[in-house]
């Protein structure tokens, strides 16, 4: 924490702008911070720029303008990458590696001690009900099983910064619950978690703050109470995240749940 008691930012984004070759503006002057020890929800309609934001933070696409820092370091640097974990919306897996080999590969890349890696892998496989699949290849897996393996690859080294793009897609309710518990534990040990999701009910029970994107710009930022206070009508200030989201992105509160 800083000297005034506030948690410091693990990730900073300043004036991000991304314009694709076809002229489409995905991000326009986006600035925010992701604090250590918090889960920050990134929500917005399709095309709002959520995935582009994550890719910019990871250094996987070139920014048109703006700056990104992971603990003060460029995201492309080796030091920054060592602190990052990433769950992509579409799992990126190796067809010629078994489930366990995927996890050991990640553990080796992050230089985990053999004993620590083995214990961590066994725990994750058991927790997410993949122990019986540890020697299998992902080619025949269902979407949900592929998603679980992708999540485990991001969690195995206990990253200081975890960026997750729609991690709940394809998961059964028990796996959603287990993932939420792991994200809470990551937050409690001081990790910074950025969660992009369309599952607003899950986000409402999990996130500490929210960023609401609309057409590549930051429309609103804050806790649920802070977002509610930004709504013009008194009766709207009892809305949940879904209602707030609809009110802010569509300018309509009459029909919001």
C-alpha atoms as a PDB file:
ATOM      1  CA  UNK A   1       0.000   0.000   0.000  1.00  0.00           C
ATOM      2  CA  UNK A   2       1.017   3.612  -0.424  1.00  0.00           C
ATOM      3  CA  UNK A   3       1.823   5.846   2.524  1.00  0.00           C
ATOM      4  CA  UNK A   4      -1.745   7.200   2.623  1.00  0.00           C
ATOM      5  CA  UNK A   5      -3.146   3.667   2.919  1.00  0.00           C
ATOM      6  CA  UNK A   6      -4.393   3.312  -0.651  1.00  0.00           C
ATOM      7  CA  UNK A   7      -3.483   0.232  -2.634  1.00  0.00           C
ATOM      8  CA  UNK A   8      -0.982   0.872  -5.393  1.00  0.00           C
ATOM      9  CA  UNK A   9      -1.656   0.181  -9.046  1.00  0.00           C
ATOM     10  CA  UNK A  10      -0.089  -2.979 -10.459  1.00  0.00           C
ATOM     11  CA  UNK A  11      -1.211  -2.010 -13.966  1.00  0.00           C
ATOM     12  CA  UNK A  12      -1.572   1.473 -15.414  1.00  0.00           C
ATOM     13  CA  UNK A  13      -3.020   2.437 -18.772  1.00  0.00           C
ATOM     14  CA  UNK A  14      -2.699   6.046 -19.924  1.00  0.00           C
ATOM     15  CA  UNK A  15      -4.509   7.523 -22.927  1.00  0.00           C
ATOM     16  CA  UNK A  16      -4.740   4.225 -24.787  1.00  0.00           C
ATOM     17  CA  UNK A  17      -5.800   4.516 -28.384  1.00  0.00           C
ATOM     18  CA  UNK A  18      -6.087   1.712 -30.919  1.00  0.00           C
ATOM     19  CA  UNK A  19      -7.094   2.238 -34.535  1.00  0.00           C
ATOM     20  CA  UNK A  20      -7.073  -0.841 -36.755  1.00  0.00           C
ATOM     21  CA  UNK A  21      -5.922  -0.870 -40.373  1.00  0.00           C
ATOM     22  CA  UNK A  22      -9.509  -0.711 -41.610  1.00  0.00           C
ATOM     23  CA  UNK A  23      -9.899   2.612 -39.801  1.00  0.00           C
ATOM     24  CA  UNK A  24     -12.038   1.267 -36.967  1.00  0.00           C
ATOM     25  CA  UNK A  25     -11.286   2.892 -33.610  1.00  0.00           C
ATOM     26  CA  UNK A  26     -11.347   0.213 -30.916  1.00  0.00           C
ATOM     27  CA  UNK A  27     -10.021   2.344 -28.058  1.00  0.00           C
ATOM     28  CA  UNK A  28     -10.104   6.122 -27.710  1.00  0.00           C
ATOM     29  CA  UNK A  29      -8.164   7.842 -24.891  1.00  0.00           C
ATOM     30  CA  UNK A  30      -8.696   5.098 -22.294  1.00  0.00           C
ATOM     31  CA  UNK A  31      -6.978   5.578 -18.922  1.00  0.00           C
ATOM     32  CA  UNK A  32      -7.338   3.530 -15.733  1.00  0.00           C
ATOM     33  CA  UNK A  33      -5.425   1.718 -13.019  1.00  0.00           C
ATOM     34  CA  UNK A  34      -5.662  -1.862 -11.761  1.00  0.00           C
ATOM     35  CA  UNK A  35      -4.805  -2.047  -8.088  1.00  0.00           C
ATOM     36  CA  UNK A  36      -3.035  -4.782  -6.200  1.00  0.00           C
ATOM     37  CA  UNK A  37      -5.457  -6.824  -4.131  1.00  0.00           C
ATOM     38  CA  UNK A  38      -8.579  -6.100  -6.180  1.00  0.00           C
ATOM     39  CA  UNK A  39     -10.779  -7.665  -8.834  1.00  0.00           C
ATOM     40  CA  UNK A  40     -11.681  -5.084 -11.447  1.00  0.00           C
ATOM     41  CA  UNK A  41     -14.618  -5.889 -13.722  1.00  0.00           C
ATOM     42  CA  UNK A  42     -14.362  -4.833 -17.355  1.00  0.00           C
ATOM     43  CA  UNK A  43     -17.849  -4.709 -18.870  1.00  0.00           C
ATOM     44  CA  UNK A  44     -19.429  -3.265 -21.970  1.00  0.00           C
ATOM     45  CA  UNK A  45     -21.438  -4.275 -25.042  1.00  0.00           C
ATOM     46  CA  UNK A  46     -19.917  -6.248 -27.912  1.00  0.00           C
ATOM     47  CA  UNK A  47     -17.439  -4.085 -29.756  1.00  0.00           C
ATOM     48  CA  UNK A  48     -16.808  -1.845 -26.766  1.00  0.00           C
ATOM     49  CA  UNK A  49     -13.065  -2.581 -26.802  1.00  0.00           C
ATOM     50  CA  UNK A  50     -12.723  -5.041 -23.916  1.00  0.00           C
ATOM     51  CA  UNK A  51     -10.582  -7.641 -25.670  1.00  0.00           C
ATOM     52  CA  UNK A  52      -8.504  -4.937 -27.365  1.00  0.00           C
ATOM     53  CA  UNK A  53      -7.839  -3.451 -23.922  1.00  0.00           C
ATOM     54  CA  UNK A  54      -6.541  -6.774 -22.622  1.00  0.00           C
ATOM     55  CA  UNK A  55      -4.341  -7.320 -25.676  1.00  0.00           C
ATOM     56  CA  UNK A  56      -2.848  -3.844 -25.238  1.00  0.00           C
ATOM     57  CA  UNK A  57      -2.140  -4.536 -21.571  1.00  0.00           C
ATOM     58  CA  UNK A  58      -0.411  -7.775 -22.543  1.00  0.00           C
ATOM     59  CA  UNK A  59       1.622  -6.125 -25.280  1.00  0.00           C
ATOM     60  CA  UNK A  60       0.201  -8.573 -27.834  1.00  0.00           C
ATOM     61  CA  UNK A  61      -0.967  -5.857 -30.219  1.00  0.00           C
ATOM     62  CA  UNK A  62       0.660  -2.559 -31.089  1.00  0.00           C
ATOM     63  CA  UNK A  63      -0.957   0.501 -29.558  1.00  0.00           C
ATOM     64  CA  UNK A  64      -1.726   3.446 -31.820  1.00  0.00           C
ATOM     65  CA  UNK A  65      -1.039   5.756 -28.875  1.00  0.00           C
ATOM     66  CA  UNK A  66      -0.807   5.668 -25.100  1.00  0.00           C
ATOM     67  CA  UNK A  67       1.244   3.900 -22.449  1.00  0.00           C
ATOM     68  CA  UNK A  68       0.904   0.687 -20.471  1.00  0.00           C
ATOM     69  CA  UNK A  69       2.978  -0.386 -17.474  1.00  0.00           C
ATOM     70  CA  UNK A  70       3.027  -3.587 -15.414  1.00  0.00           C
ATOM     71  CA  UNK A  71       4.575  -2.656 -12.076  1.00  0.00           C
ATOM     72  CA  UNK A  72       6.244   0.227 -13.873  1.00  0.00           C
ATOM     73  CA  UNK A  73       7.632  -1.931 -16.691  1.00  0.00           C
ATOM     74  CA  UNK A  74       6.600  -2.153 -20.364  1.00  0.00           C
ATOM     75  CA  UNK A  75       4.262  -5.133 -20.911  1.00  0.00           C
ATOM     76  CA  UNK A  76       6.582  -6.522 -23.594  1.00  0.00           C
ATOM     77  CA  UNK A  77       9.480  -6.808 -21.124  1.00  0.00           C
ATOM     78  CA  UNK A  78      10.576 -10.125 -19.644  1.00  0.00           C
ATOM     79  CA  UNK A  79      10.064  -8.781 -16.116  1.00  0.00           C
ATOM     80  CA  UNK A  80       6.457  -7.817 -16.862  1.00  0.00           C
ATOM     81  CA  UNK A  81       5.620 -11.084 -18.621  1.00  0.00           C
ATOM     82  CA  UNK A  82       6.905 -13.035 -15.624  1.00  0.00           C
ATOM     83  CA  UNK A  83       4.216 -11.389 -13.490  1.00  0.00           C
ATOM     84  CA  UNK A  84       1.325 -11.926 -15.894  1.00  0.00           C
ATOM     85  CA  UNK A  85      -1.293 -14.634 -16.285  1.00  0.00           C
ATOM     86  CA  UNK A  86      -3.777 -14.572 -19.157  1.00  0.00           C
ATOM     87  CA  UNK A  87      -7.003 -16.429 -19.883  1.00  0.00           C
ATOM     88  CA  UNK A  88      -7.961 -15.749 -23.530  1.00  0.00           C
ATOM     89  CA  UNK A  89     -11.579 -15.862 -24.665  1.00  0.00           C
ATOM     90  CA  UNK A  90     -10.714 -18.730 -27.030  1.00  0.00           C
ATOM     91  CA  UNK A  91      -8.369 -21.294 -25.399  1.00  0.00           C
ATOM     92  CA  UNK A  92      -4.921 -21.461 -27.000  1.00  0.00           C
ATOM     93  CA  UNK A  93      -3.748 -25.024 -26.458  1.00  0.00           C
ATOM     94  CA  UNK A  94      -1.155 -27.399 -27.897  1.00  0.00           C
ATOM     95  CA  UNK A  95      -2.689 -30.493 -29.461  1.00  0.00           C
ATOM     96  CA  UNK A  96       0.479 -32.544 -28.927  1.00  0.00           C
ATOM     97  CA  UNK A  97       0.736 -31.862 -25.180  1.00  0.00           C
ATOM     98  CA  UNK A  98      -1.287 -33.650 -22.522  1.00  0.00           C
ATOM     99  CA  UNK A  99      -3.131 -31.743 -19.818  1.00  0.00           C
ATOM    100  CA  UNK A 100      -0.337 -32.273 -17.311  1.00  0.00           C
ATOM    101  CA  UNK A 101       2.331 -31.414 -19.878  1.00  0.00           C
ATOM    102  CA  UNK A 102       0.597 -28.085 -20.537  1.00  0.00           C
ATOM    103  CA  UNK A 103       0.816 -27.204 -16.855  1.00  0.00           C
ATOM    104  CA  UNK A 104       4.395 -28.397 -16.447  1.00  0.00           C
ATOM    105  CA  UNK A 105       5.403 -26.381 -19.503  1.00  0.00           C
ATOM    106  CA  UNK A 106       3.984 -23.203 -17.936  1.00  0.00           C
ATOM    107  CA  UNK A 107       5.544 -24.022 -14.567  1.00  0.00           C
ATOM    108  CA  UNK A 108       8.924 -24.554 -16.222  1.00  0.00           C
ATOM    109  CA  UNK A 109       8.625 -21.298 -18.187  1.00  0.00           C
ATOM    110  CA  UNK A 110       8.080 -19.461 -14.905  1.00  0.00           C
ATOM    111  CA  UNK A 111      10.891 -21.391 -13.183  1.00  0.00           C
ATOM    112  CA  UNK A 112       8.789 -22.976 -10.457  1.00  0.00           C
ATOM    113  CA  UNK A 113      10.657 -25.464  -8.291  1.00  0.00           C
ATOM    114  CA  UNK A 114       9.801 -29.054  -9.196  1.00  0.00           C
ATOM    115  CA  UNK A 115       8.205 -29.852  -5.832  1.00  0.00           C
ATOM    116  CA  UNK A 116       6.165 -26.647  -5.821  1.00  0.00           C
ATOM    117  CA  UNK A 117       5.051 -27.209  -9.406  1.00  0.00           C
ATOM    118  CA  UNK A 118       3.958 -30.783  -8.732  1.00  0.00           C
ATOM    119  CA  UNK A 119       1.944 -29.792  -5.663  1.00  0.00           C
ATOM    120  CA  UNK A 120       0.310 -26.855  -7.445  1.00  0.00           C
ATOM    121  CA  UNK A 121      -0.567 -28.923 -10.521  1.00  0.00           C
ATOM    122  CA  UNK A 122      -2.064 -31.720  -8.437  1.00  0.00           C
ATOM    123  CA  UNK A 123      -4.172 -29.219  -6.490  1.00  0.00           C
ATOM    124  CA  UNK A 124      -5.517 -27.505  -9.600  1.00  0.00           C
ATOM    125  CA  UNK A 125      -6.257 -30.757 -11.436  1.00  0.00           C
ATOM    126  CA  UNK A 126      -8.173 -32.033  -8.441  1.00  0.00           C
ATOM    127  CA  UNK A 127     -10.049 -28.786  -7.817  1.00  0.00           C
ATOM    128  CA  UNK A 128     -11.229 -28.475 -11.415  1.00  0.00           C
ATOM    129  CA  UNK A 129     -11.951 -32.183 -11.845  1.00  0.00           C
ATOM    130  CA  UNK A 130      -9.258 -32.801 -14.451  1.00  0.00           C
ATOM    131  CA  UNK A 131      -7.160 -35.324 -12.546  1.00  0.00           C
ATOM    132  CA  UNK A 132      -8.632 -38.183 -14.556  1.00  0.00           C
ATOM    133  CA  UNK A 133      -7.751 -36.367 -17.799  1.00  0.00           C
ATOM    134  CA  UNK A 134      -4.157 -35.422 -16.950  1.00  0.00           C
ATOM    135  CA  UNK A 135      -2.650 -37.810 -19.526  1.00  0.00           C
ATOM    136  CA  UNK A 136      -5.116 -36.923 -22.294  1.00  0.00           C
ATOM    137  CA  UNK A 137      -4.670 -34.552 -25.228  1.00  0.00           C
ATOM    138  CA  UNK A 138      -7.055 -31.611 -25.736  1.00  0.00           C
ATOM    139  CA  UNK A 139      -8.041 -32.520 -29.304  1.00  0.00           C
ATOM    140  CA  UNK A 140     -11.233 -34.299 -28.232  1.00  0.00           C
ATOM    141  CA  UNK A 141     -12.113 -32.099 -25.256  1.00  0.00           C
ATOM    142  CA  UNK A 142     -15.389 -30.223 -24.973  1.00  0.00           C
ATOM    143  CA  UNK A 143     -15.356 -26.416 -24.941  1.00  0.00           C
ATOM    144  CA  UNK A 144     -15.767 -26.451 -21.170  1.00  0.00           C
ATOM    145  CA  UNK A 145     -12.853 -28.821 -20.608  1.00  0.00           C
ATOM    146  CA  UNK A 146     -10.634 -26.816 -22.944  1.00  0.00           C
ATOM    147  CA  UNK A 147     -11.616 -23.682 -21.057  1.00  0.00           C
ATOM    148  CA  UNK A 148     -10.711 -25.262 -17.714  1.00  0.00           C
ATOM    149  CA  UNK A 149      -7.285 -26.252 -19.012  1.00  0.00           C
ATOM    150  CA  UNK A 150      -6.724 -22.718 -20.312  1.00  0.00           C
ATOM    151  CA  UNK A 151      -7.633 -21.341 -16.890  1.00  0.00           C
ATOM    152  CA  UNK A 152      -5.285 -23.745 -15.112  1.00  0.00           C
ATOM    153  CA  UNK A 153      -2.423 -22.676 -17.378  1.00  0.00           C
ATOM    154  CA  UNK A 154      -3.006 -19.080 -16.246  1.00  0.00           C
ATOM    155  CA  UNK A 155      -3.240 -20.002 -12.556  1.00  0.00           C
ATOM    156  CA  UNK A 156      -0.435 -22.533 -12.134  1.00  0.00           C
ATOM    157  CA  UNK A 157       2.315 -19.973 -11.428  1.00  0.00           C
ATOM    158  CA  UNK A 158       0.087 -17.789  -9.184  1.00  0.00           C
ATOM    159  CA  UNK A 159       0.600 -14.617 -11.242  1.00  0.00           C
ATOM    160  CA  UNK A 160       0.794 -11.212  -9.623  1.00  0.00           C
ATOM    161  CA  UNK A 161      -1.428  -9.841 -12.409  1.00  0.00           C
ATOM    162  CA  UNK A 162      -4.202 -11.965 -13.921  1.00  0.00           C
ATOM    163  CA  UNK A 163      -6.080 -10.831 -17.031  1.00  0.00           C
ATOM    164  CA  UNK A 164      -9.120 -12.954 -17.879  1.00  0.00           C
ATOM    165  CA  UNK A 165     -11.240 -12.558 -21.022  1.00  0.00           C
ATOM    166  CA  UNK A 166     -14.661 -14.217 -20.598  1.00  0.00           C
ATOM    167  CA  UNK A 167     -13.247 -17.030 -18.418  1.00  0.00           C
ATOM    168  CA  UNK A 168     -16.687 -18.384 -17.421  1.00  0.00           C
ATOM    169  CA  UNK A 169     -17.781 -19.239 -20.981  1.00  0.00           C
ATOM    170  CA  UNK A 170     -18.461 -22.951 -21.349  1.00  0.00           C
ATOM    171  CA  UNK A 171     -17.978 -23.750 -17.660  1.00  0.00           C
ATOM    172  CA  UNK A 172     -20.514 -25.738 -15.651  1.00  0.00           C
ATOM    173  CA  UNK A 173     -21.935 -24.028 -12.527  1.00  0.00           C
ATOM    174  CA  UNK A 174     -19.593 -25.842 -10.133  1.00  0.00           C
ATOM    175  CA  UNK A 175     -16.529 -24.845 -12.166  1.00  0.00           C
ATOM    176  CA  UNK A 176     -17.770 -21.238 -12.252  1.00  0.00           C
ATOM    177  CA  UNK A 177     -18.010 -21.319  -8.460  1.00  0.00           C
ATOM    178  CA  UNK A 178     -14.537 -22.844  -8.104  1.00  0.00           C
ATOM    179  CA  UNK A 179     -13.008 -20.291 -10.444  1.00  0.00           C
ATOM    180  CA  UNK A 180     -14.632 -17.462  -8.510  1.00  0.00           C
ATOM    181  CA  UNK A 181     -13.128 -18.861  -5.308  1.00  0.00           C
ATOM    182  CA  UNK A 182      -9.674 -18.976  -6.927  1.00  0.00           C
ATOM    183  CA  UNK A 183     -10.011 -15.392  -8.110  1.00  0.00           C
ATOM    184  CA  UNK A 184     -10.972 -14.280  -4.607  1.00  0.00           C
ATOM    185  CA  UNK A 185      -7.967 -16.110  -3.192  1.00  0.00           C
ATOM    186  CA  UNK A 186      -5.708 -14.456  -5.753  1.00  0.00           C
ATOM    187  CA  UNK A 187      -7.064 -11.062  -4.706  1.00  0.00           C
ATOM    188  CA  UNK A 188      -6.601 -11.878  -1.031  1.00  0.00           C
ATOM    189  CA  UNK A 189      -2.925 -12.732  -1.558  1.00  0.00           C
ATOM    190  CA  UNK A 190      -2.461  -9.340  -3.211  1.00  0.00           C
ATOM    191  CA  UNK A 191      -2.816 -10.170  -6.899  1.00  0.00           C
ATOM    192  CA  UNK A 192      -4.423  -7.726  -9.316  1.00  0.00           C
ATOM    193  CA  UNK A 193      -7.222  -9.310 -11.360  1.00  0.00           C
ATOM    194  CA  UNK A 194      -8.890  -7.795 -14.422  1.00  0.00           C
ATOM    195  CA  UNK A 195     -12.023  -9.706 -15.369  1.00  0.00           C
ATOM    196  CA  UNK A 196     -13.764  -9.128 -18.687  1.00  0.00           C
ATOM    197  CA  UNK A 197     -17.133 -10.877 -18.694  1.00  0.00           C
ATOM    198  CA  UNK A 198     -20.669 -10.773 -20.036  1.00  0.00           C
ATOM    199  CA  UNK A 199     -21.863 -12.691 -16.955  1.00  0.00           C
ATOM    200  CA  UNK A 200     -22.894  -9.631 -14.991  1.00  0.00           C
ATOM    201  CA  UNK A 201     -24.425 -11.577 -12.112  1.00  0.00           C
ATOM    202  CA  UNK A 202     -21.102 -13.332 -11.566  1.00  0.00           C
ATOM    203  CA  UNK A 203     -19.245 -10.039 -11.826  1.00  0.00           C
ATOM    204  CA  UNK A 204     -21.534  -8.395  -9.288  1.00  0.00           C
ATOM    205  CA  UNK A 205     -20.757 -11.048  -6.664  1.00  0.00           C
ATOM    206  CA  UNK A 206     -17.031 -10.993  -7.403  1.00  0.00           C
ATOM    207  CA  UNK A 207     -15.650  -7.615  -8.441  1.00  0.00           C
ATOM    208  CA  UNK A 208     -14.597  -4.743  -6.197  1.00  0.00           C
ATOM    209  CA  UNK A 209     -14.805  -2.068  -8.897  1.00  0.00           C
ATOM    210  CA  UNK A 210     -15.963  -1.821 -12.493  1.00  0.00           C
ATOM    211  CA  UNK A 211     -14.945  -0.188 -15.745  1.00  0.00           C
ATOM    212  CA  UNK A 212     -17.813   0.260 -18.185  1.00  0.00           C
ATOM    213  CA  UNK A 213     -16.637   0.708 -21.750  1.00  0.00           C
ATOM    214  CA  UNK A 214     -18.743   2.059 -24.592  1.00  0.00           C
ATOM    215  CA  UNK A 215     -17.447   2.506 -28.145  1.00  0.00           C
ATOM    216  CA  UNK A 216     -13.861   2.299 -26.967  1.00  0.00           C
ATOM    217  CA  UNK A 217     -14.167   4.968 -24.288  1.00  0.00           C
ATOM    218  CA  UNK A 218     -14.527   4.768 -20.522  1.00  0.00           C
ATOM    219  CA  UNK A 219     -18.154   5.538 -19.806  1.00  0.00           C
ATOM    220  CA  UNK A 220     -18.058   4.994 -16.031  1.00  0.00           C
ATOM    221  CA  UNK A 221     -15.731   3.680 -13.331  1.00  0.00           C
ATOM    222  CA  UNK A 222     -16.247   2.802  -9.685  1.00  0.00           C
ATOM    223  CA  UNK A 223     -17.834   0.519  -7.130  1.00  0.00           C
ATOM    224  CA  UNK A 224     -21.489  -0.467  -7.420  1.00  0.00           C
ATOM    225  CA  UNK A 225     -22.456   2.328  -5.055  1.00  0.00           C
ATOM    226  CA  UNK A 226     -20.419   4.860  -7.006  1.00  0.00           C
ATOM    227  CA  UNK A 227     -21.979   3.733 -10.286  1.00  0.00           C
ATOM    228  CA  UNK A 228     -25.470   3.922  -8.770  1.00  0.00           C
ATOM    229  CA  UNK A 229     -24.835   7.462  -7.568  1.00  0.00           C
ATOM    230  CA  UNK A 230     -24.075   8.496 -11.149  1.00  0.00           C
ATOM    231  CA  UNK A 231     -27.606   7.589 -12.258  1.00  0.00           C
ATOM    232  CA  UNK A 232     -29.946  10.592 -12.478  1.00  0.00           C
ATOM    233  CA  UNK A 233     -33.094   9.156 -10.898  1.00  0.00           C
ATOM    234  CA  UNK A 234     -33.376   8.235  -7.225  1.00  0.00           C
ATOM    235  CA  UNK A 235     -35.318   5.034  -7.959  1.00  0.00           C
ATOM    236  CA  UNK A 236     -32.539   3.822 -10.253  1.00  0.00           C
ATOM    237  CA  UNK A 237     -30.008   3.914  -7.440  1.00  0.00           C
ATOM    238  CA  UNK A 238     -31.156   0.512  -6.212  1.00  0.00           C
ATOM    239  CA  UNK A 239     -30.291  -1.247  -9.473  1.00  0.00           C
ATOM    240  CA  UNK A 240     -27.892  -4.167  -9.673  1.00  0.00           C
ATOM    241  CA  UNK A 241     -24.974  -4.254 -12.090  1.00  0.00           C
ATOM    242  CA  UNK A 242     -27.119  -5.409 -15.020  1.00  0.00           C
ATOM    243  CA  UNK A 243     -29.536  -2.517 -14.578  1.00  0.00           C
ATOM    244  CA  UNK A 244     -26.709  -0.029 -14.140  1.00  0.00           C
ATOM    245  CA  UNK A 245     -25.011  -1.381 -17.229  1.00  0.00           C
ATOM    246  CA  UNK A 246     -28.168  -1.006 -19.324  1.00  0.00           C
ATOM    247  CA  UNK A 247     -28.859   2.455 -17.954  1.00  0.00           C
ATOM    248  CA  UNK A 248     -25.390   3.758 -18.690  1.00  0.00           C
ATOM    249  CA  UNK A 249     -24.819   2.111 -22.070  1.00  0.00           C
ATOM    250  CA  UNK A 250     -28.272   2.617 -23.539  1.00  0.00           C
ATOM    251  CA  UNK A 251     -29.421   5.658 -21.626  1.00  0.00           C
ATOM    252  CA  UNK A 252     -32.550   3.738 -20.645  1.00  0.00           C
ATOM    253  CA  UNK A 253     -33.515   2.889 -17.075  1.00  0.00           C
ATOM    254  CA  UNK A 254     -37.263   2.395 -17.373  1.00  0.00           C
ATOM    255  CA  UNK A 255     -37.009  -1.227 -18.533  1.00  0.00           C
ATOM    256  CA  UNK A 256     -33.830  -2.194 -16.708  1.00  0.00           C
ATOM    257  CA  UNK A 257     -34.155  -5.168 -14.330  1.00  0.00           C
END
